[in-house]
Amino acid sequence: EYMGTSSSIDRSAPLEIGLQRSTQVKRAADEILAEAKKPRIEDEECVRLDKERLAARLEGHKEGIVQTEQIRSLSEAMSVEKIAAIKAKIMAKKRATIKTDLDDDIT
């Protein structure tokens, strides 16, 4: 039944109806864009509040930041032997970690 109606449609008829509607839609979209470009007072207020919140958060983290005047050369703080011992310990730990990972993969 439904298929029978499609054969009665005049395919040569002009399709102007759709064109009229699309121009109206476009105009509405342009108006929305123009509206979006205008700065809103409440948006400016939100931006100001966000900036204040960010400043407060950064202020809170300041004590965690290393002060440059506290930085000393590592060789000043420790002997060369102590630095070498720490390096050796780190390297040994790395080697051990890699070995166990490989063993796990094999088994």
PDB file of N, CA and C in Angstrom:
ATOM      1  N   GLU A   1       0.827  -1.211   0.000  1.00  0.00           N
ATOM      2  CA  GLU A   1       0.000   0.000   0.000  1.00  0.00           C
ATOM      3  C   GLU A   1       0.864   1.267   0.000  1.00  0.00           C
ATOM      4  N   TYR A   2       1.795   1.305   0.962  1.00  0.00           N
ATOM      5  CA  TYR A   2       2.637   2.496   1.134  1.00  0.00           C
ATOM      6  C   TYR A   2       3.474   2.773  -0.114  1.00  0.00           C
ATOM      7  N   MET A   3       3.990   1.731  -0.751  1.00  0.00           N
ATOM      8  CA  MET A   3       4.815   1.877  -1.942  1.00  0.00           C
ATOM      9  C   MET A   3       4.034   2.481  -3.106  1.00  0.00           C
ATOM     10  N   GLY A   4       2.770   2.205  -3.187  1.00  0.00           N
ATOM     11  CA  GLY A   4       1.934   2.700  -4.272  1.00  0.00           C
ATOM     12  C   GLY A   4       1.828   4.213  -4.293  1.00  0.00           C
ATOM     13  N   THR A   5       1.878   4.858  -3.146  1.00  0.00           N
ATOM     14  CA  THR A   5       1.734   6.316  -3.086  1.00  0.00           C
ATOM     15  C   THR A   5       2.975   7.025  -3.613  1.00  0.00           C
ATOM     16  N   SER A   6       4.157   6.416  -3.454  1.00  0.00           N
ATOM     17  CA  SER A   6       5.386   7.085  -3.894  1.00  0.00           C
ATOM     18  C   SER A   6       5.423   7.262  -5.412  1.00  0.00           C
ATOM     19  N   SER A   7       4.773   6.396  -6.171  1.00  0.00           N
ATOM     20  CA  SER A   7       4.781   6.522  -7.630  1.00  0.00           C
ATOM     21  C   SER A   7       3.938   7.715  -8.093  1.00  0.00           C
ATOM     22  N   SER A   8       3.008   8.171  -7.246  1.00  0.00           N
ATOM     23  CA  SER A   8       2.161   9.304  -7.630  1.00  0.00           C
ATOM     24  C   SER A   8       2.806  10.660  -7.316  1.00  0.00           C
ATOM     25  N   ILE A   9       4.006  10.643  -6.738  1.00  0.00           N
ATOM     26  CA  ILE A   9       4.692  11.904  -6.419  1.00  0.00           C
ATOM     27  C   ILE A   9       5.299  12.472  -7.693  1.00  0.00           C
ATOM     28  N   ASP A  10       5.079  13.770  -7.938  1.00  0.00           N
ATOM     29  CA  ASP A  10       5.621  14.442  -9.115  1.00  0.00           C
ATOM     30  C   ASP A  10       7.061  14.855  -8.820  1.00  0.00           C
ATOM     31  N   ARG A  11       8.019  14.115  -9.379  1.00  0.00           N
ATOM     32  CA  ARG A  11       9.435  14.379  -9.097  1.00  0.00           C
ATOM     33  C   ARG A  11       9.950  15.614  -9.847  1.00  0.00           C
ATOM     34  N   SER A  12       9.217  16.107 -10.828  1.00  0.00           N
ATOM     35  CA  SER A  12       9.652  17.284 -11.578  1.00  0.00           C
ATOM     36  C   SER A  12       9.199  18.582 -10.906  1.00  0.00           C
ATOM     37  N   ALA A  13       8.444  18.482  -9.811  1.00  0.00           N
ATOM     38  CA  ALA A  13       7.954  19.681  -9.121  1.00  0.00           C
ATOM     39  C   ALA A  13       9.123  20.454  -8.510  1.00  0.00           C
ATOM     40  N   PRO A  14       9.098  21.801  -8.568  1.00  0.00           N
ATOM     41  CA  PRO A  14      10.184  22.601  -7.972  1.00  0.00           C
ATOM     42  C   PRO A  14      10.195  22.478  -6.444  1.00  0.00           C
ATOM     43  N   LEU A  15      11.391  22.551  -5.872  1.00  0.00           N
ATOM     44  CA  LEU A  15      11.541  22.374  -4.421  1.00  0.00           C
ATOM     45  C   LEU A  15      11.843  23.713  -3.746  1.00  0.00           C
ATOM     46  N   GLU A  16      10.985  24.697  -3.938  1.00  0.00           N
ATOM     47  CA  GLU A  16      11.225  26.030  -3.383  1.00  0.00           C
ATOM     48  C   GLU A  16      10.880  26.122  -1.903  1.00  0.00           C
ATOM     49  N   ILE A  17      10.021  25.247  -1.435  1.00  0.00           N
ATOM     50  CA  ILE A  17       9.552  25.320  -0.042  1.00  0.00           C
ATOM     51  C   ILE A  17      10.730  25.190   0.933  1.00  0.00           C
ATOM     52  N   GLY A  18      11.621  24.237   0.669  1.00  0.00           N
ATOM     53  CA  GLY A  18      12.771  24.007   1.543  1.00  0.00           C
ATOM     54  C   GLY A  18      13.719  25.190   1.565  1.00  0.00           C
ATOM     55  N   LEU A  19      13.873  25.870   0.430  1.00  0.00           N
ATOM     56  CA  LEU A  19      14.795  26.998   0.343  1.00  0.00           C
ATOM     57  C   LEU A  19      14.343  28.165   1.218  1.00  0.00           C
ATOM     58  N   GLN A  20      13.057  28.441   1.230  1.00  0.00           N
ATOM     59  CA  GLN A  20      12.543  29.545   2.057  1.00  0.00           C
ATOM     60  C   GLN A  20      12.854  29.292   3.531  1.00  0.00           C
ATOM     61  N   ARG A  21      12.651  28.053   3.960  1.00  0.00           N
ATOM     62  CA  ARG A  21      12.852  27.731   5.369  1.00  0.00           C
ATOM     63  C   ARG A  21      14.322  27.860   5.767  1.00  0.00           C
ATOM     64  N   SER A  22      15.228  27.443   4.885  1.00  0.00           N
ATOM     65  CA  SER A  22      16.645  27.467   5.226  1.00  0.00           C
ATOM     66  C   SER A  22      17.157  28.893   5.428  1.00  0.00           C
ATOM     67  N   THR A  23      16.642  29.871   4.681  1.00  0.00           N
ATOM     68  CA  THR A  23      17.094  31.251   4.873  1.00  0.00           C
ATOM     69  C   THR A  23      16.636  31.779   6.226  1.00  0.00           C
ATOM     70  N   GLN A  24      15.449  31.392   6.650  1.00  0.00           N
ATOM     71  CA  GLN A  24      14.961  31.827   7.968  1.00  0.00           C
ATOM     72  C   GLN A  24      15.818  31.228   9.080  1.00  0.00           C
ATOM     73  N   VAL A  25      16.176  29.970   8.927  1.00  0.00           N
ATOM     74  CA  VAL A  25      17.018  29.299   9.921  1.00  0.00           C
ATOM     75  C   VAL A  25      18.367  29.997  10.006  1.00  0.00           C
ATOM     76  N   LYS A  26      18.934  30.335   8.841  1.00  0.00           N
ATOM     77  CA  LYS A  26      20.238  31.000   8.804  1.00  0.00           C
ATOM     78  C   LYS A  26      20.168  32.358   9.500  1.00  0.00           C
ATOM     79  N   ARG A  27      19.109  33.100   9.241  1.00  0.00           N
ATOM     80  CA  ARG A  27      18.949  34.409   9.860  1.00  0.00           C
ATOM     81  C   ARG A  27      18.897  34.267  11.384  1.00  0.00           C
ATOM     82  N   ALA A  28      18.166  33.281  11.849  1.00  0.00           N
ATOM     83  CA  ALA A  28      18.050  33.053  13.291  1.00  0.00           C
ATOM     84  C   ALA A  28      19.418  32.715  13.887  1.00  0.00           C
ATOM     85  N   ALA A  29      20.194  31.910  13.172  1.00  0.00           N
ATOM     86  CA  ALA A  29      21.523  31.523  13.648  1.00  0.00           C
ATOM     87  C   ALA A  29      22.444  32.739  13.724  1.00  0.00           C
ATOM     88  N   ASP A  30      22.347  33.634  12.723  1.00  0.00           N
ATOM     89  CA  ASP A  30      23.159  34.853  12.733  1.00  0.00           C
ATOM     90  C   ASP A  30      22.817  35.728  13.934  1.00  0.00           C
ATOM     91  N   GLU A  31      21.527  35.816  14.242  1.00  0.00           N
ATOM     92  CA  GLU A  31      21.103  36.615  15.396  1.00  0.00           C
ATOM     93  C   GLU A  31      21.651  36.031  16.690  1.00  0.00           C
ATOM     94  N   ILE A  32      21.637  34.705  16.790  1.00  0.00           N
ATOM     95  CA  ILE A  32      22.165  34.033  17.986  1.00  0.00           C
ATOM     96  C   ILE A  32      23.656  34.325  18.126  1.00  0.00           C
ATOM     97  N   LEU A  33      24.396  34.255  17.007  1.00  0.00           N
ATOM     98  CA  LEU A  33      25.831  34.535  17.036  1.00  0.00           C
ATOM     99  C   LEU A  33      26.102  35.975  17.458  1.00  0.00           C
ATOM    100  N   ALA A  34      25.315  36.907  16.921  1.00  0.00           N
ATOM    101  CA  ALA A  34      25.486  38.318  17.270  1.00  0.00           C
ATOM    102  C   ALA A  34      25.244  38.516  18.765  1.00  0.00           C
ATOM    103  N   GLU A  35      24.250  37.814  19.281  1.00  0.00           N
ATOM    104  CA  GLU A  35      23.925  37.893  20.708  1.00  0.00           C
ATOM    105  C   GLU A  35      25.075  37.329  21.554  1.00  0.00           C
ATOM    106  N   ALA A  36      25.682  36.258  21.065  1.00  0.00           N
ATOM    107  CA  ALA A  36      26.768  35.602  21.798  1.00  0.00           C
ATOM    108  C   ALA A  36      28.020  36.480  21.853  1.00  0.00           C
ATOM    109  N   LYS A  37      28.205  37.333  20.843  1.00  0.00           N
ATOM    110  CA  LYS A  37      29.396  38.184  20.798  1.00  0.00           C
ATOM    111  C   LYS A  37      29.338  39.330  21.802  1.00  0.00           C
ATOM    112  N   LYS A  38      28.134  39.720  22.218  1.00  0.00           N
ATOM    113  CA  LYS A  38      28.004  40.827  23.164  1.00  0.00           C
ATOM    114  C   LYS A  38      28.467  40.387  24.550  1.00  0.00           C
ATOM    115  N   PRO A  39      29.361  41.158  25.189  1.00  0.00           N
ATOM    116  CA  PRO A  39      29.779  40.778  26.546  1.00  0.00           C
ATOM    117  C   PRO A  39      28.625  40.948  27.530  1.00  0.00           C
ATOM    118  N   ARG A  40      28.440  39.969  28.356  1.00  0.00           N
ATOM    119  CA  ARG A  40      27.359  40.032  29.337  1.00  0.00           C
ATOM    120  C   ARG A  40      27.934  40.400  30.694  1.00  0.00           C
ATOM    121  N   ILE A  41      27.199  41.178  31.447  1.00  0.00           N
ATOM    122  CA  ILE A  41      27.665  41.636  32.755  1.00  0.00           C
ATOM    123  C   ILE A  41      27.900  40.456  33.687  1.00  0.00           C
ATOM    124  N   GLU A  42      26.976  39.496  33.702  1.00  0.00           N
ATOM    125  CA  GLU A  42      27.139  38.342  34.599  1.00  0.00           C
ATOM    126  C   GLU A  42      28.345  37.491  34.207  1.00  0.00           C
ATOM    127  N   ASP A  43      28.685  37.449  32.899  1.00  0.00           N
ATOM    128  CA  ASP A  43      29.865  36.714  32.459  1.00  0.00           C
ATOM    129  C   ASP A  43      31.133  37.374  32.992  1.00  0.00           C
ATOM    130  N   GLU A  44      31.182  38.699  32.931  1.00  0.00           N
ATOM    131  CA  GLU A  44      32.344  39.429  33.444  1.00  0.00           C
ATOM    132  C   GLU A  44      32.505  39.170  34.938  1.00  0.00           C
ATOM    133  N   GLU A  45      31.392  39.114  35.648  1.00  0.00           N
ATOM    134  CA  GLU A  45      31.406  38.829  37.084  1.00  0.00           C
ATOM    135  C   GLU A  45      31.962  37.423  37.340  1.00  0.00           C
ATOM    136  N   CYS A  46      31.534  36.463  36.518  1.00  0.00           N
ATOM    137  CA  CYS A  46      32.024  35.085  36.653  1.00  0.00           C
ATOM    138  C   CYS A  46      33.529  35.020  36.401  1.00  0.00           C
ATOM    139  N   VAL A  47      33.985  35.734  35.382  1.00  0.00           N
ATOM    140  CA  VAL A  47      35.415  35.748  35.053  1.00  0.00           C
ATOM    141  C   VAL A  47      36.213  36.317  36.225  1.00  0.00           C
ATOM    142  N   ARG A  48      35.694  37.403  36.822  1.00  0.00           N
ATOM    143  CA  ARG A  48      36.380  38.027  37.957  1.00  0.00           C
ATOM    144  C   ARG A  48      36.468  37.048  39.130  1.00  0.00           C
ATOM    145  N   LEU A  49      35.355  36.365  39.410  1.00  0.00           N
ATOM    146  CA  LEU A  49      35.336  35.394  40.508  1.00  0.00           C
ATOM    147  C   LEU A  49      36.300  34.243  40.237  1.00  0.00           C
ATOM    148  N   ASP A  50      36.340  33.771  38.979  1.00  0.00           N
ATOM    149  CA  ASP A  50      37.260  32.691  38.612  1.00  0.00           C
ATOM    150  C   ASP A  50      38.708  33.120  38.830  1.00  0.00           C
ATOM    151  N   LYS A  51      39.026  34.354  38.440  1.00  0.00           N
ATOM    152  CA  LYS A  51      40.388  34.868  38.622  1.00  0.00           C
ATOM    153  C   LYS A  51      40.750  34.923  40.103  1.00  0.00           C
ATOM    154  N   GLU A  52      39.799  35.370  40.937  1.00  0.00           N
ATOM    155  CA  GLU A  52      40.046  35.436  42.386  1.00  0.00           C
ATOM    156  C   GLU A  52      40.283  34.042  42.955  1.00  0.00           C
ATOM    157  N   ARG A  53      39.460  33.071  42.512  1.00  0.00           N
ATOM    158  CA  ARG A  53      39.611  31.689  42.997  1.00  0.00           C
ATOM    159  C   ARG A  53      40.973  31.130  42.603  1.00  0.00           C
ATOM    160  N   LEU A  54      41.390  31.387  41.364  1.00  0.00           N
ATOM    161  CA  LEU A  54      42.682  30.907  40.881  1.00  0.00           C
ATOM    162  C   LEU A  54      43.815  31.526  41.697  1.00  0.00           C
ATOM    163  N   ALA A  55      43.733  32.825  41.938  1.00  0.00           N
ATOM    164  CA  ALA A  55      44.758  33.517  42.724  1.00  0.00           C
ATOM    165  C   ALA A  55      44.849  32.914  44.123  1.00  0.00           C
ATOM    166  N   ALA A  56      43.694  32.615  44.725  1.00  0.00           N
ATOM    167  CA  ALA A  56      43.670  32.030  46.069  1.00  0.00           C
ATOM    168  C   ALA A  56      44.318  30.645  46.064  1.00  0.00           C
ATOM    169  N   ARG A  57      44.039  29.864  45.019  1.00  0.00           N
ATOM    170  CA  ARG A  57      44.622  28.518  44.932  1.00  0.00           C
ATOM    171  C   ARG A  57      46.134  28.591  44.745  1.00  0.00           C
ATOM    172  N   LEU A  58      46.586  29.518  43.903  1.00  0.00           N
ATOM    173  CA  LEU A  58      48.024  29.669  43.678  1.00  0.00           C
ATOM    174  C   LEU A  58      48.714  30.137  44.954  1.00  0.00           C
ATOM    175  N   GLU A  59      48.063  31.016  45.686  1.00  0.00           N
ATOM    176  CA  GLU A  59      48.596  31.520  46.952  1.00  0.00           C
ATOM    177  C   GLU A  59      48.772  30.362  47.934  1.00  0.00           C
ATOM    178  N   GLY A  60      47.817  29.458  47.952  1.00  0.00           N
ATOM    179  CA  GLY A  60      47.855  28.301  48.847  1.00  0.00           C
ATOM    180  C   GLY A  60      49.011  27.364  48.547  1.00  0.00           C
ATOM    181  N   HIS A  61      49.444  27.301  47.277  1.00  0.00           N
ATOM    182  CA  HIS A  61      50.517  26.382  46.878  1.00  0.00           C
ATOM    183  C   HIS A  61      51.906  27.009  47.027  1.00  0.00           C
ATOM    184  N   LYS A  62      51.968  28.286  47.347  1.00  0.00           N
ATOM    185  CA  LYS A  62      53.260  28.978  47.370  1.00  0.00           C
ATOM    186  C   LYS A  62      54.258  28.349  48.333  1.00  0.00           C
ATOM    187  N   GLU A  63      53.775  27.884  49.515  1.00  0.00           N
ATOM    188  CA  GLU A  63      54.723  27.325  50.488  1.00  0.00           C
ATOM    189  C   GLU A  63      55.394  26.054  49.965  1.00  0.00           C
ATOM    190  N   GLY A  64      54.773  25.386  48.982  1.00  0.00           N
ATOM    191  CA  GLY A  64      55.356  24.184  48.398  1.00  0.00           C
ATOM    192  C   GLY A  64      56.427  24.490  47.360  1.00  0.00           C
ATOM    193  N   ILE A  65      56.462  25.715  46.870  1.00  0.00           N
ATOM    194  CA  ILE A  65      57.420  26.105  45.835  1.00  0.00           C
ATOM    195  C   ILE A  65      58.779  26.383  46.485  1.00  0.00           C
ATOM    196  N   VAL A  66      59.842  25.872  45.865  1.00  0.00           N
ATOM    197  CA  VAL A  66      61.191  26.081  46.395  1.00  0.00           C
ATOM    198  C   VAL A  66      61.623  27.522  46.111  1.00  0.00           C
ATOM    199  N   GLN A  67      62.092  28.191  47.148  1.00  0.00           N
ATOM    200  CA  GLN A  67      62.596  29.557  46.975  1.00  0.00           C
ATOM    201  C   GLN A  67      64.003  29.484  46.378  1.00  0.00           C
ATOM    202  N   THR A  68      64.288  30.345  45.402  1.00  0.00           N
ATOM    203  CA  THR A  68      65.575  30.269  44.694  1.00  0.00           C
ATOM    204  C   THR A  68      66.766  30.533  45.615  1.00  0.00           C
ATOM    205  N   GLU A  69      66.587  31.371  46.643  1.00  0.00           N
ATOM    206  CA  GLU A  69      67.723  31.649  47.536  1.00  0.00           C
ATOM    207  C   GLU A  69      68.076  30.448  48.417  1.00  0.00           C
ATOM    208  N   GLN A  70      67.146  29.479  48.519  1.00  0.00           N
ATOM    209  CA  GLN A  70      67.415  28.276  49.318  1.00  0.00           C
ATOM    210  C   GLN A  70      68.172  27.215  48.511  1.00  0.00           C
ATOM    211  N   ILE A  71      68.247  27.377  47.202  1.00  0.00           N
ATOM    212  CA  ILE A  71      68.893  26.374  46.353  1.00  0.00           C
ATOM    213  C   ILE A  71      70.408  26.495  46.491  1.00  0.00           C
ATOM    214  N   ARG A  72      71.048  25.338  46.773  1.00  0.00           N
ATOM    215  CA  ARG A  72      72.508  25.303  46.843  1.00  0.00           C
ATOM    216  C   ARG A  72      72.999  24.228  45.888  1.00  0.00           C
ATOM    217  N   SER A  73      74.248  24.300  45.556  1.00  0.00           N
ATOM    218  CA  SER A  73      74.842  23.270  44.712  1.00  0.00           C
ATOM    219  C   SER A  73      74.812  21.948  45.470  1.00  0.00           C
ATOM    220  N   LEU A  74      74.557  20.842  44.772  1.00  0.00           N
ATOM    221  CA  LEU A  74      74.502  19.531  45.415  1.00  0.00           C
ATOM    222  C   LEU A  74      75.854  19.166  46.016  1.00  0.00           C
ATOM    223  N   SER A  75      76.935  19.547  45.326  1.00  0.00           N
ATOM    224  CA  SER A  75      78.276  19.248  45.837  1.00  0.00           C
ATOM    225  C   SER A  75      78.586  20.041  47.109  1.00  0.00           C
ATOM    226  N   GLU A  76      77.912  21.192  47.297  1.00  0.00           N
ATOM    227  CA  GLU A  76      78.068  21.953  48.549  1.00  0.00           C
ATOM    228  C   GLU A  76      77.369  21.226  49.692  1.00  0.00           C
ATOM    229  N   ALA A  77      76.193  20.674  49.408  1.00  0.00           N
ATOM    230  CA  ALA A  77      75.377  20.053  50.445  1.00  0.00           C
ATOM    231  C   ALA A  77      75.887  18.669  50.842  1.00  0.00           C
ATOM    232  N   MET A  78      76.462  17.904  49.907  1.00  0.00           N
ATOM    233  CA  MET A  78      76.911  16.531  50.177  1.00  0.00           C
ATOM    234  C   MET A  78      78.306  16.302  49.619  1.00  0.00           C
ATOM    235  N   SER A  79      78.962  15.306  50.194  1.00  0.00           N
ATOM    236  CA  SER A  79      80.281  14.937  49.681  1.00  0.00           C
ATOM    237  C   SER A  79      80.107  14.175  48.371  1.00  0.00           C
ATOM    238  N   VAL A  80      81.159  14.150  47.568  1.00  0.00           N
ATOM    239  CA  VAL A  80      81.133  13.457  46.279  1.00  0.00           C
ATOM    240  C   VAL A  80      80.856  11.967  46.498  1.00  0.00           C
ATOM    241  N   GLU A  81      81.430  11.402  47.578  1.00  0.00           N
ATOM    242  CA  GLU A  81      81.232   9.976  47.885  1.00  0.00           C
ATOM    243  C   GLU A  81      79.762   9.678  48.170  1.00  0.00           C
ATOM    244  N   LYS A  82      79.121  10.562  48.925  1.00  0.00           N
ATOM    245  CA  LYS A  82      77.717  10.358  49.288  1.00  0.00           C
ATOM    246  C   LYS A  82      76.830  10.408  48.034  1.00  0.00           C
ATOM    247  N   ILE A  83      77.114  11.357  47.138  1.00  0.00           N
ATOM    248  CA  ILE A  83      76.362  11.476  45.882  1.00  0.00           C
ATOM    249  C   ILE A  83      76.551  10.203  45.059  1.00  0.00           C
ATOM    250  N   ALA A  84      77.792   9.711  44.965  1.00  0.00           N
ATOM    251  CA  ALA A  84      78.094   8.492  44.204  1.00  0.00           C
ATOM    252  C   ALA A  84      77.356   7.295  44.803  1.00  0.00           C
ATOM    253  N   ALA A  85      77.294   7.225  46.134  1.00  0.00           N
ATOM    254  CA  ALA A  85      76.602   6.124  46.810  1.00  0.00           C
ATOM    255  C   ALA A  85      75.108   6.141  46.481  1.00  0.00           C
ATOM    256  N   ILE A  86      74.517   7.334  46.490  1.00  0.00           N
ATOM    257  CA  ILE A  86      73.085   7.472  46.172  1.00  0.00           C
ATOM    258  C   ILE A  86      72.832   7.062  44.723  1.00  0.00           C
ATOM    259  N   LYS A  87      73.705   7.520  43.806  1.00  0.00           N
ATOM    260  CA  LYS A  87      73.564   7.154  42.389  1.00  0.00           C
ATOM    261  C   LYS A  87      73.642   5.640  42.214  1.00  0.00           C
ATOM    262  N   ALA A  88      74.618   5.006  42.890  1.00  0.00           N
ATOM    263  CA  ALA A  88      74.798   3.554  42.786  1.00  0.00           C
ATOM    264  C   ALA A  88      73.554   2.829  43.298  1.00  0.00           C
ATOM    265  N   LYS A  89      73.005   3.325  44.408  1.00  0.00           N
ATOM    266  CA  LYS A  89      71.800   2.725  45.001  1.00  0.00           C
ATOM    267  C   LYS A  89      70.625   2.815  44.021  1.00  0.00           C
ATOM    268  N   ILE A  90      70.462   3.987  43.387  1.00  0.00           N
ATOM    269  CA  ILE A  90      69.376   4.193  42.419  1.00  0.00           C
ATOM    270  C   ILE A  90      69.546   3.242  41.237  1.00  0.00           C
ATOM    271  N   MET A  91      70.769   3.144  40.710  1.00  0.00           N
ATOM    272  CA  MET A  91      71.029   2.281  39.548  1.00  0.00           C
ATOM    273  C   MET A  91      70.772   0.815  39.894  1.00  0.00           C
ATOM    274  N   ALA A  92      71.197   0.393  41.084  1.00  0.00           N
ATOM    275  CA  ALA A  92      70.978  -0.993  41.520  1.00  0.00           C
ATOM    276  C   ALA A  92      69.482  -1.279  41.612  1.00  0.00           C
ATOM    277  N   LYS A  93      68.747  -0.320  42.141  1.00  0.00           N
ATOM    278  CA  LYS A  93      67.290  -0.472  42.277  1.00  0.00           C
ATOM    279  C   LYS A  93      66.646  -0.590  40.896  1.00  0.00           C
ATOM    280  N   LYS A  94      67.090   0.253  39.949  1.00  0.00           N
ATOM    281  CA  LYS A  94      66.554   0.214  38.576  1.00  0.00           C
ATOM    282  C   LYS A  94      66.814  -1.142  37.936  1.00  0.00           C
ATOM    283  N   ARG A  95      68.057  -1.645  38.093  1.00  0.00           N
ATOM    284  CA  ARG A  95      68.413  -2.933  37.491  1.00  0.00           C
ATOM    285  C   ARG A  95      67.547  -4.045  38.063  1.00  0.00           C
ATOM    286  N   ALA A  96      67.361  -4.035  39.370  1.00  0.00           N
ATOM    287  CA  ALA A  96      66.550  -5.063  40.037  1.00  0.00           C
ATOM    288  C   ALA A  96      65.106  -5.003  39.549  1.00  0.00           C
ATOM    289  N   THR A  97      64.585  -3.802  39.410  1.00  0.00           N
ATOM    290  CA  THR A  97      63.195  -3.620  38.973  1.00  0.00           C
ATOM    291  C   THR A  97      63.001  -4.168  37.565  1.00  0.00           C
ATOM    292  N   ILE A  98      63.923  -3.869  36.678  1.00  0.00           N
ATOM    293  CA  ILE A  98      63.821  -4.327  35.292  1.00  0.00           C
ATOM    294  C   ILE A  98      63.878  -5.851  35.243  1.00  0.00           C
ATOM    295  N   LYS A  99      64.804  -6.459  36.016  1.00  0.00           N
ATOM    296  CA  LYS A  99      64.949  -7.914  36.028  1.00  0.00           C
ATOM    297  C   LYS A  99      63.659  -8.590  36.469  1.00  0.00           C
ATOM    298  N   THR A 100      63.051  -8.114  37.542  1.00  0.00           N
ATOM    299  CA  THR A 100      61.826  -8.767  38.034  1.00  0.00           C
ATOM    300  C   THR A 100      60.704  -8.625  37.014  1.00  0.00           C
ATOM    301  N   ASP A 101      60.629  -7.494  36.343  1.00  0.00           N
ATOM    302  CA  ASP A 101      59.597  -7.296  35.320  1.00  0.00           C
ATOM    303  C   ASP A 101      59.775  -8.303  34.186  1.00  0.00           C
ATOM    304  N   LEU A 102      61.024  -8.524  33.763  1.00  0.00           N
ATOM    305  CA  LEU A 102      61.299  -9.465  32.681  1.00  0.00           C
ATOM    306  C   LEU A 102      60.962 -10.883  33.110  1.00  0.00           C
ATOM    307  N   ASP A 103      61.320 -11.241  34.346  1.00  0.00           N
ATOM    308  CA  ASP A 103      61.010 -12.576  34.868  1.00  0.00           C
ATOM    309  C   ASP A 103      59.512 -12.827  34.852  1.00  0.00           C
ATOM    310  N   ASP A 104      58.745 -11.814  35.231  1.00  0.00           N
ATOM    311  CA  ASP A 104      57.284 -11.947  35.259  1.00  0.00           C
ATOM    312  C   ASP A 104      56.746 -12.224  33.864  1.00  0.00           C
ATOM    313  N   ASP A 105      57.318 -11.569  32.860  1.00  0.00           N
ATOM    314  CA  ASP A 105      56.838 -11.741  31.488  1.00  0.00           C
ATOM    315  C   ASP A 105      57.141 -13.148  30.959  1.00  0.00           C
ATOM    316  N   ILE A 106      58.303 -13.699  31.338  1.00  0.00           N
ATOM    317  CA  ILE A 106      58.728 -15.012  30.834  1.00  0.00           C
ATOM    318  C   ILE A 106      57.833 -16.115  31.394  1.00  0.00           C
ATOM    319  N   THR A 107      57.540 -16.063  32.678  1.00  0.00           N
ATOM    320  CA  THR A 107      56.752 -17.135  33.326  1.00  0.00           C
ATOM    321  C   THR A 107      55.285 -17.042  33.092  1.00  0.00           C
TER     322      THR A 107
END
